[in-house]
Amino acid sequence: MEQYKQEFIEFMVQSQVLKFGDFTLKSGRRSPFFMNAGAYVTGTQLRKLGEYYAKAIHDNFGLDFDVLFGPAYKGIPLSVATTMAISELYGKDIRYCSNRKEAKDHGDTGILLGSKLKDGDRVVMIEDVTTSGKSIEETFPIVKAQGNVEVKGLIVSLNRLERGKGEKSALEEVQDLYHFPTAAIVTMSEVTEYLYNRECQGQIVINDDIKLALDAYYSQYGASTIHFK
């Protein structure tokens, strides 16, 4: 596993973004882990987060694109932090763009903020996590409505590896439906493999009990196309 992935896993735990225990999700599922990207709140955290995203984008999609699009609302700081990191790490200026929930009719008008999209733009979309694909369902038409725009891919921080609407994972469903590649900084398989019986932040985050709970959870809700370690 790449060094930046290992560091990102520890960073999620340290930032209390990724927690293990007993959680009830919006879907009603009882999960042994919970991710809340809203817990990234400091300048230092956002700077590091942007760097991890930048490295994952570089590894998965390269840098031959023009705009990083972050769907409102969580995608807005993600797109800003990551474009800054791409500039600092790779010396490449990428524009950022996000959508508004409601179109603005004065000043900087329209549905978009940041850079406008134009014909010929190549776009990578960025999110925290994709569980149902609803955000992409809402924003993909907005992006495509701006002209002859090519979506090069979608990057998220964590691939939960759970079933979406069918038997495949939500990221696989997005890929099949919209015909662009999807990727994540890390998957839950990689998180589990790295943290199992390893001390992190002074404790064993995934002990035998948590590992058993994860195995049981993925035997019930795991995507059929993915092998969970």
C-alpha atoms as a PDB file:
ATOM      1  CA  MET A   1       0.000   0.000   0.000  1.00  0.00           C
ATOM      2  CA  GLU A   2       1.305   3.465  -0.923  1.00  0.00           C
ATOM      3  CA  GLN A   3       2.722   5.582   1.903  1.00  0.00           C
ATOM      4  CA  TYR A   4       0.202   8.377   1.419  1.00  0.00           C
ATOM      5  CA  LYS A   5      -2.655   5.888   1.783  1.00  0.00           C
ATOM      6  CA  GLN A   6      -1.277   4.661   5.105  1.00  0.00           C
ATOM      7  CA  GLU A   7      -0.892   8.249   6.266  1.00  0.00           C
ATOM      8  CA  PHE A   8      -4.425   9.097   5.148  1.00  0.00           C
ATOM      9  CA  ILE A   9      -5.914   6.205   7.107  1.00  0.00           C
ATOM     10  CA  GLU A  10      -4.176   7.388  10.265  1.00  0.00           C
ATOM     11  CA  PHE A  11      -5.195  10.968   9.443  1.00  0.00           C
ATOM     12  CA  MET A  12      -8.891   9.982   9.298  1.00  0.00           C
ATOM     13  CA  VAL A  13      -8.648   8.334  12.720  1.00  0.00           C
ATOM     14  CA  GLN A  14      -6.655  11.204  14.226  1.00  0.00           C
ATOM     15  CA  SER A  15      -9.171  13.754  12.894  1.00  0.00           C
ATOM     16  CA  GLN A  16     -12.052  11.658  14.317  1.00  0.00           C
ATOM     17  CA  VAL A  17     -13.531  11.466  10.847  1.00  0.00           C
ATOM     18  CA  LEU A  18     -13.488   7.660  10.864  1.00  0.00           C
ATOM     19  CA  LYS A  19     -14.807   5.974  13.997  1.00  0.00           C
ATOM     20  CA  PHE A  20     -15.487   2.368  14.938  1.00  0.00           C
ATOM     21  CA  GLY A  21     -18.225   1.103  17.244  1.00  0.00           C
ATOM     22  CA  ASP A  22     -21.983   0.708  16.764  1.00  0.00           C
ATOM     23  CA  PHE A  23     -23.719   3.287  14.558  1.00  0.00           C
ATOM     24  CA  THR A  24     -27.126   3.516  12.923  1.00  0.00           C
ATOM     25  CA  LEU A  25     -26.852   5.025   9.452  1.00  0.00           C
ATOM     26  CA  LYS A  26     -29.452   7.088   7.573  1.00  0.00           C
ATOM     27  CA  SER A  27     -30.254   3.968   5.601  1.00  0.00           C
ATOM     28  CA  GLY A  28     -31.227   2.229   8.840  1.00  0.00           C
ATOM     29  CA  ARG A  29     -28.272  -0.141   8.651  1.00  0.00           C
ATOM     30  CA  ARG A  30     -26.347  -0.756  11.858  1.00  0.00           C
ATOM     31  CA  SER A  31     -22.701  -0.264  10.985  1.00  0.00           C
ATOM     32  CA  PRO A  32     -19.485  -0.970  12.936  1.00  0.00           C
ATOM     33  CA  PHE A  33     -17.914   2.164  11.450  1.00  0.00           C
ATOM     34  CA  PHE A  34     -18.941   5.712  10.657  1.00  0.00           C
ATOM     35  CA  MET A  35     -17.324   8.380   8.511  1.00  0.00           C
ATOM     36  CA  ASN A  36     -18.049  12.096   8.909  1.00  0.00           C
ATOM     37  CA  ALA A  37     -15.990  14.321   6.603  1.00  0.00           C
ATOM     38  CA  GLY A  38     -17.538  17.339   8.317  1.00  0.00           C
ATOM     39  CA  ALA A  39     -15.051  16.762  11.137  1.00  0.00           C
ATOM     40  CA  TYR A  40     -12.274  18.244   8.992  1.00  0.00           C
ATOM     41  CA  VAL A  41     -12.500  21.770  10.363  1.00  0.00           C
ATOM     42  CA  THR A  42      -9.033  23.292  10.730  1.00  0.00           C
ATOM     43  CA  GLY A  43      -6.705  24.835   8.193  1.00  0.00           C
ATOM     44  CA  THR A  44      -4.084  22.183   8.850  1.00  0.00           C
ATOM     45  CA  GLN A  45      -6.597  19.381   8.330  1.00  0.00           C
ATOM     46  CA  LEU A  46      -7.896  20.855   5.076  1.00  0.00           C
ATOM     47  CA  ARG A  47      -4.381  21.406   3.760  1.00  0.00           C
ATOM     48  CA  LYS A  48      -3.460  17.773   4.440  1.00  0.00           C
ATOM     49  CA  LEU A  49      -6.760  16.521   3.050  1.00  0.00           C
ATOM     50  CA  GLY A  50      -6.174  18.439  -0.174  1.00  0.00           C
ATOM     51  CA  GLU A  51      -2.735  16.863  -0.488  1.00  0.00           C
ATOM     52  CA  TYR A  52      -4.110  13.320  -0.115  1.00  0.00           C
ATOM     53  CA  TYR A  53      -6.787  13.995  -2.712  1.00  0.00           C
ATOM     54  CA  ALA A  54      -4.200  15.546  -5.051  1.00  0.00           C
ATOM     55  CA  LYS A  55      -1.974  12.472  -4.831  1.00  0.00           C
ATOM     56  CA  ALA A  56      -4.903  10.124  -5.448  1.00  0.00           C
ATOM     57  CA  ILE A  57      -6.088  12.169  -8.440  1.00  0.00           C
ATOM     58  CA  HIS A  58      -2.540  12.160  -9.840  1.00  0.00           C
ATOM     59  CA  ASP A  59      -2.254   8.384  -9.414  1.00  0.00           C
ATOM     60  CA  ASN A  60      -5.713   7.516 -10.782  1.00  0.00           C
ATOM     61  CA  PHE A  61      -6.467  10.141 -13.433  1.00  0.00           C
ATOM     62  CA  GLY A  62      -3.257  12.050 -14.050  1.00  0.00           C
ATOM     63  CA  LEU A  63      -3.311  15.834 -14.302  1.00  0.00           C
ATOM     64  CA  ASP A  64      -4.475  16.242 -17.903  1.00  0.00           C
ATOM     65  CA  PHE A  65      -7.699  18.027 -16.975  1.00  0.00           C
ATOM     66  CA  ASP A  66      -8.851  21.615 -16.492  1.00  0.00           C
ATOM     67  CA  VAL A  67     -11.419  21.868 -13.697  1.00  0.00           C
ATOM     68  CA  LEU A  68     -12.051  20.191 -10.353  1.00  0.00           C
ATOM     69  CA  PHE A  69     -15.788  20.209  -9.625  1.00  0.00           C
ATOM     70  CA  GLY A  70     -17.065  19.837  -6.045  1.00  0.00           C
ATOM     71  CA  PRO A  71     -20.835  19.408  -5.586  1.00  0.00           C
ATOM     72  CA  ALA A  72     -22.392  21.627  -2.908  1.00  0.00           C
ATOM     73  CA  TYR A  73     -21.887  21.713  -0.051  1.00  0.00           C
ATOM     74  CA  LYS A  74     -19.057  19.489   1.175  1.00  0.00           C
ATOM     75  CA  GLY A  75     -17.495  19.399  -2.260  1.00  0.00           C
ATOM     76  CA  ILE A  76     -16.837  23.140  -2.168  1.00  0.00           C
ATOM     77  CA  PRO A  77     -13.971  23.141   0.390  1.00  0.00           C
ATOM     78  CA  LEU A  78     -12.707  19.838  -1.052  1.00  0.00           C
ATOM     79  CA  SER A  79     -12.331  21.328  -4.526  1.00  0.00           C
ATOM     80  CA  VAL A  80     -10.654  24.488  -3.203  1.00  0.00           C
ATOM     81  CA  ALA A  81      -8.188  22.656  -0.939  1.00  0.00           C
ATOM     82  CA  THR A  82      -7.314  20.113  -3.625  1.00  0.00           C
ATOM     83  CA  THR A  83      -6.710  22.618  -6.426  1.00  0.00           C
ATOM     84  CA  MET A  84      -4.332  24.445  -4.089  1.00  0.00           C
ATOM     85  CA  ALA A  85      -2.556  21.173  -3.285  1.00  0.00           C
ATOM     86  CA  ILE A  86      -2.228  20.238  -6.977  1.00  0.00           C
ATOM     87  CA  SER A  87      -0.606  23.603  -7.598  1.00  0.00           C
ATOM     88  CA  GLU A  88       1.811  23.192  -4.696  1.00  0.00           C
ATOM     89  CA  LEU A  89       2.701  19.534  -5.278  1.00  0.00           C
ATOM     90  CA  TYR A  90       2.759  19.365  -9.076  1.00  0.00           C
ATOM     91  CA  GLY A  91       3.012  22.966 -10.279  1.00  0.00           C
ATOM     92  CA  LYS A  92      -0.215  22.648 -12.274  1.00  0.00           C
ATOM     93  CA  ASP A  93      -2.986  25.245 -12.093  1.00  0.00           C
ATOM     94  CA  ILE A  94      -6.404  23.588 -12.064  1.00  0.00           C
ATOM     95  CA  ARG A  95      -9.547  25.718 -11.847  1.00  0.00           C
ATOM     96  CA  TYR A  96     -12.184  24.914  -9.247  1.00  0.00           C
ATOM     97  CA  CYS A  97     -15.941  24.987  -9.743  1.00  0.00           C
ATOM     98  CA  SER A  98     -18.926  24.163  -7.559  1.00  0.00           C
ATOM     99  CA  ASN A  99     -22.673  24.414  -7.865  1.00  0.00           C
ATOM    100  CA  ARG A 100     -25.115  26.344  -5.747  1.00  0.00           C
ATOM    101  CA  LYS A 101     -28.213  24.706  -4.346  1.00  0.00           C
ATOM    102  CA  GLU A 102     -30.207  27.680  -5.650  1.00  0.00           C
ATOM    103  CA  ALA A 103     -29.310  29.835  -8.661  1.00  0.00           C
ATOM    104  CA  LYS A 104     -28.203  33.387  -7.823  1.00  0.00           C
ATOM    105  CA  ASP A 105     -29.951  36.195  -9.733  1.00  0.00           C
ATOM    106  CA  HIS A 106     -27.651  39.129  -8.871  1.00  0.00           C
ATOM    107  CA  GLY A 107     -23.916  39.828  -8.788  1.00  0.00           C
ATOM    108  CA  ASP A 108     -22.151  36.605  -9.685  1.00  0.00           C
ATOM    109  CA  THR A 109     -25.277  35.090 -11.194  1.00  0.00           C
ATOM    110  CA  GLY A 110     -26.099  31.519 -12.106  1.00  0.00           C
ATOM    111  CA  ILE A 111     -25.977  28.057 -10.595  1.00  0.00           C
ATOM    112  CA  LEU A 112     -22.156  27.834 -10.501  1.00  0.00           C
ATOM    113  CA  LEU A 113     -19.532  29.474  -8.316  1.00  0.00           C
ATOM    114  CA  GLY A 114     -15.805  29.603  -8.872  1.00  0.00           C
ATOM    115  CA  SER A 115     -14.719  29.047 -12.462  1.00  0.00           C
ATOM    116  CA  LYS A 116     -17.384  28.807 -15.132  1.00  0.00           C
ATOM    117  CA  LEU A 117     -17.340  25.714 -17.323  1.00  0.00           C
ATOM    118  CA  LYS A 118     -16.904  26.103 -21.074  1.00  0.00           C
ATOM    119  CA  ASP A 119     -16.741  23.997 -24.210  1.00  0.00           C
ATOM    120  CA  GLY A 120     -13.749  21.699 -24.223  1.00  0.00           C
ATOM    121  CA  ASP A 121     -13.235  21.655 -20.455  1.00  0.00           C
ATOM    122  CA  ARG A 122     -12.110  18.344 -18.960  1.00  0.00           C
ATOM    123  CA  VAL A 123     -13.529  17.918 -15.472  1.00  0.00           C
ATOM    124  CA  VAL A 124     -12.765  15.690 -12.491  1.00  0.00           C
ATOM    125  CA  MET A 125     -15.504  15.562  -9.853  1.00  0.00           C
ATOM    126  CA  ILE A 126     -14.647  15.352  -6.136  1.00  0.00           C
ATOM    127  CA  GLU A 127     -16.745  14.171  -3.177  1.00  0.00           C
ATOM    128  CA  ASP A 128     -16.196  12.952   0.373  1.00  0.00           C
ATOM    129  CA  VAL A 129     -17.952   9.614  -0.034  1.00  0.00           C
ATOM    130  CA  THR A 130     -20.560   8.118  -2.364  1.00  0.00           C
ATOM    131  CA  THR A 131     -23.184   5.913  -0.752  1.00  0.00           C
ATOM    132  CA  SER A 132     -26.130   6.164  -3.162  1.00  0.00           C
ATOM    133  CA  GLY A 133     -24.942   8.278  -6.097  1.00  0.00           C
ATOM    134  CA  LYS A 134     -27.656  10.865  -5.419  1.00  0.00           C
ATOM    135  CA  SER A 135     -25.249  13.815  -5.409  1.00  0.00           C
ATOM    136  CA  ILE A 136     -23.816  12.863  -8.798  1.00  0.00           C
ATOM    137  CA  GLU A 137     -27.342  12.271 -10.111  1.00  0.00           C
ATOM    138  CA  GLU A 138     -28.147  15.890  -9.220  1.00  0.00           C
ATOM    139  CA  THR A 139     -24.905  17.546 -10.350  1.00  0.00           C
ATOM    140  CA  PHE A 140     -23.870  15.580 -13.450  1.00  0.00           C
ATOM    141  CA  PRO A 141     -26.654  17.158 -15.565  1.00  0.00           C
ATOM    142  CA  ILE A 142     -25.570  20.615 -14.336  1.00  0.00           C
ATOM    143  CA  VAL A 143     -22.000  19.978 -15.469  1.00  0.00           C
ATOM    144  CA  LYS A 144     -23.040  18.570 -18.856  1.00  0.00           C
ATOM    145  CA  ALA A 145     -25.477  21.456 -19.421  1.00  0.00           C
ATOM    146  CA  GLN A 146     -22.589  23.929 -19.530  1.00  0.00           C
ATOM    147  CA  GLY A 147     -21.518  22.860 -23.013  1.00  0.00           C
ATOM    148  CA  ASN A 148     -19.183  20.291 -24.553  1.00  0.00           C
ATOM    149  CA  VAL A 149     -17.684  19.256 -21.205  1.00  0.00           C
ATOM    150  CA  GLU A 150     -15.935  15.916 -20.638  1.00  0.00           C
ATOM    151  CA  VAL A 151     -16.028  14.329 -17.185  1.00  0.00           C
ATOM    152  CA  LYS A 152     -12.741  12.484 -16.709  1.00  0.00           C
ATOM    153  CA  GLY A 153     -13.658  10.810 -13.428  1.00  0.00           C
ATOM    154  CA  LEU A 154     -14.928  10.963  -9.864  1.00  0.00           C
ATOM    155  CA  ILE A 155     -12.646  10.831  -6.806  1.00  0.00           C
ATOM    156  CA  VAL A 156     -13.878  10.232  -3.244  1.00  0.00           C
ATOM    157  CA  SER A 157     -11.935   9.869  -0.023  1.00  0.00           C
ATOM    158  CA  LEU A 158     -13.319   6.498   1.097  1.00  0.00           C
ATOM    159  CA  ASN A 159     -14.916   3.691  -0.877  1.00  0.00           C
ATOM    160  CA  ARG A 160     -17.225   2.022   1.632  1.00  0.00           C
ATOM    161  CA  LEU A 161     -17.489  -1.081  -0.623  1.00  0.00           C
ATOM    162  CA  GLU A 162     -21.171  -1.471   0.214  1.00  0.00           C
ATOM    163  CA  ARG A 163     -23.981  -2.304  -2.158  1.00  0.00           C
ATOM    164  CA  GLY A 164     -25.637   0.649  -3.814  1.00  0.00           C
ATOM    165  CA  LYS A 165     -29.083   0.330  -5.370  1.00  0.00           C
ATOM    166  CA  GLY A 166     -28.210  -3.122  -6.683  1.00  0.00           C
ATOM    167  CA  GLU A 167     -25.506  -5.653  -5.970  1.00  0.00           C
ATOM    168  CA  LYS A 168     -22.556  -3.519  -7.082  1.00  0.00           C
ATOM    169  CA  SER A 169     -20.906  -0.807  -5.008  1.00  0.00           C
ATOM    170  CA  ALA A 170     -22.208   2.738  -5.322  1.00  0.00           C
ATOM    171  CA  LEU A 171     -18.997   3.844  -7.084  1.00  0.00           C
ATOM    172  CA  GLU A 172     -19.305   1.003  -9.597  1.00  0.00           C
ATOM    173  CA  GLU A 173     -22.921   1.957 -10.234  1.00  0.00           C
ATOM    174  CA  VAL A 174     -21.914   5.566 -10.907  1.00  0.00           C
ATOM    175  CA  GLN A 175     -19.223   4.345 -13.305  1.00  0.00           C
ATOM    176  CA  ASP A 176     -21.653   2.089 -15.173  1.00  0.00           C
ATOM    177  CA  LEU A 177     -24.394   4.724 -15.380  1.00  0.00           C
ATOM    178  CA  TYR A 178     -22.340   7.745 -16.418  1.00  0.00           C
ATOM    179  CA  HIS A 179     -19.460   6.027 -18.247  1.00  0.00           C
ATOM    180  CA  PHE A 180     -16.539   7.695 -16.484  1.00  0.00           C
ATOM    181  CA  PRO A 181     -14.022   6.095 -14.091  1.00  0.00           C
ATOM    182  CA  THR A 182     -14.328   6.344 -10.318  1.00  0.00           C
ATOM    183  CA  ALA A 183     -11.671   6.026  -7.630  1.00  0.00           C
ATOM    184  CA  ALA A 184     -11.037   6.595  -3.930  1.00  0.00           C
ATOM    185  CA  ILE A 185      -8.040   7.594  -1.857  1.00  0.00           C
ATOM    186  CA  VAL A 186      -8.575   4.371   0.109  1.00  0.00           C
ATOM    187  CA  THR A 187     -11.119   1.574   0.362  1.00  0.00           C
ATOM    188  CA  MET A 188     -12.541   0.055   3.535  1.00  0.00           C
ATOM    189  CA  SER A 189     -10.694  -3.116   2.631  1.00  0.00           C
ATOM    190  CA  GLU A 190      -7.402  -1.201   2.751  1.00  0.00           C
ATOM    191  CA  VAL A 191      -8.430   0.546   5.983  1.00  0.00           C
ATOM    192  CA  THR A 192      -9.212  -2.759   7.654  1.00  0.00           C
ATOM    193  CA  GLU A 193      -6.072  -4.447   6.407  1.00  0.00           C
ATOM    194  CA  TYR A 194      -3.902  -1.583   7.642  1.00  0.00           C
ATOM    195  CA  LEU A 195      -5.538  -0.938  11.029  1.00  0.00           C
ATOM    196  CA  TYR A 196      -6.288  -4.492  12.148  1.00  0.00           C
ATOM    197  CA  ASN A 197      -4.353  -5.107  15.377  1.00  0.00           C
ATOM    198  CA  ARG A 198      -2.166  -2.063  14.660  1.00  0.00           C
ATOM    199  CA  GLU A 199      -1.730   0.671  17.255  1.00  0.00           C
ATOM    200  CA  CYS A 200      -2.944   4.044  16.019  1.00  0.00           C
ATOM    201  CA  GLN A 201      -3.271   7.138  18.215  1.00  0.00           C
ATOM    202  CA  GLY A 202      -2.241   5.074  21.224  1.00  0.00           C
ATOM    203  CA  GLN A 203      -4.831   2.337  20.807  1.00  0.00           C
ATOM    204  CA  ILE A 204      -5.794  -0.654  18.704  1.00  0.00           C
ATOM    205  CA  VAL A 205      -8.525   0.825  16.537  1.00  0.00           C
ATOM    206  CA  ILE A 206      -9.646  -2.414  14.879  1.00  0.00           C
ATOM    207  CA  ASN A 207      -9.342  -5.229  17.387  1.00  0.00           C
ATOM    208  CA  ASP A 208     -10.668  -8.757  16.999  1.00  0.00           C
ATOM    209  CA  ASP A 209     -14.210  -7.754  18.032  1.00  0.00           C
ATOM    210  CA  ILE A 210     -14.378  -4.873  15.548  1.00  0.00           C
ATOM    211  CA  LYS A 211     -12.905  -7.079  12.836  1.00  0.00           C
ATOM    212  CA  LEU A 212     -15.616  -9.698  13.433  1.00  0.00           C
ATOM    213  CA  ALA A 213     -18.277  -6.973  13.281  1.00  0.00           C
ATOM    214  CA  LEU A 214     -16.820  -5.667  10.007  1.00  0.00           C
ATOM    215  CA  ASP A 215     -16.757  -9.161   8.513  1.00  0.00           C
ATOM    216  CA  ALA A 216     -20.395  -9.700   9.518  1.00  0.00           C
ATOM    217  CA  TYR A 217     -21.425  -6.312   8.143  1.00  0.00           C
ATOM    218  CA  TYR A 218     -19.816  -6.914   4.765  1.00  0.00           C
ATOM    219  CA  SER A 219     -21.166 -10.439   4.508  1.00  0.00           C
ATOM    220  CA  GLN A 220     -24.610  -8.802   4.667  1.00  0.00           C
ATOM    221  CA  TYR A 221     -24.106  -5.476   2.877  1.00  0.00           C
ATOM    222  CA  GLY A 222     -20.869  -5.797   0.926  1.00  0.00           C
ATOM    223  CA  ALA A 223     -20.908  -5.318  -2.831  1.00  0.00           C
ATOM    224  CA  SER A 224     -21.005  -8.649  -4.628  1.00  0.00           C
ATOM    225  CA  THR A 225     -18.172  -7.680  -6.990  1.00  0.00           C
ATOM    226  CA  ILE A 226     -15.674  -6.808  -4.270  1.00  0.00           C
ATOM    227  CA  HIS A 227     -13.601  -9.108  -2.100  1.00  0.00           C
ATOM    228  CA  PHE A 228     -13.410  -7.709   1.400  1.00  0.00           C
ATOM    229  CA  LYS A 229     -10.216  -8.629   3.244  1.00  0.00           C
END
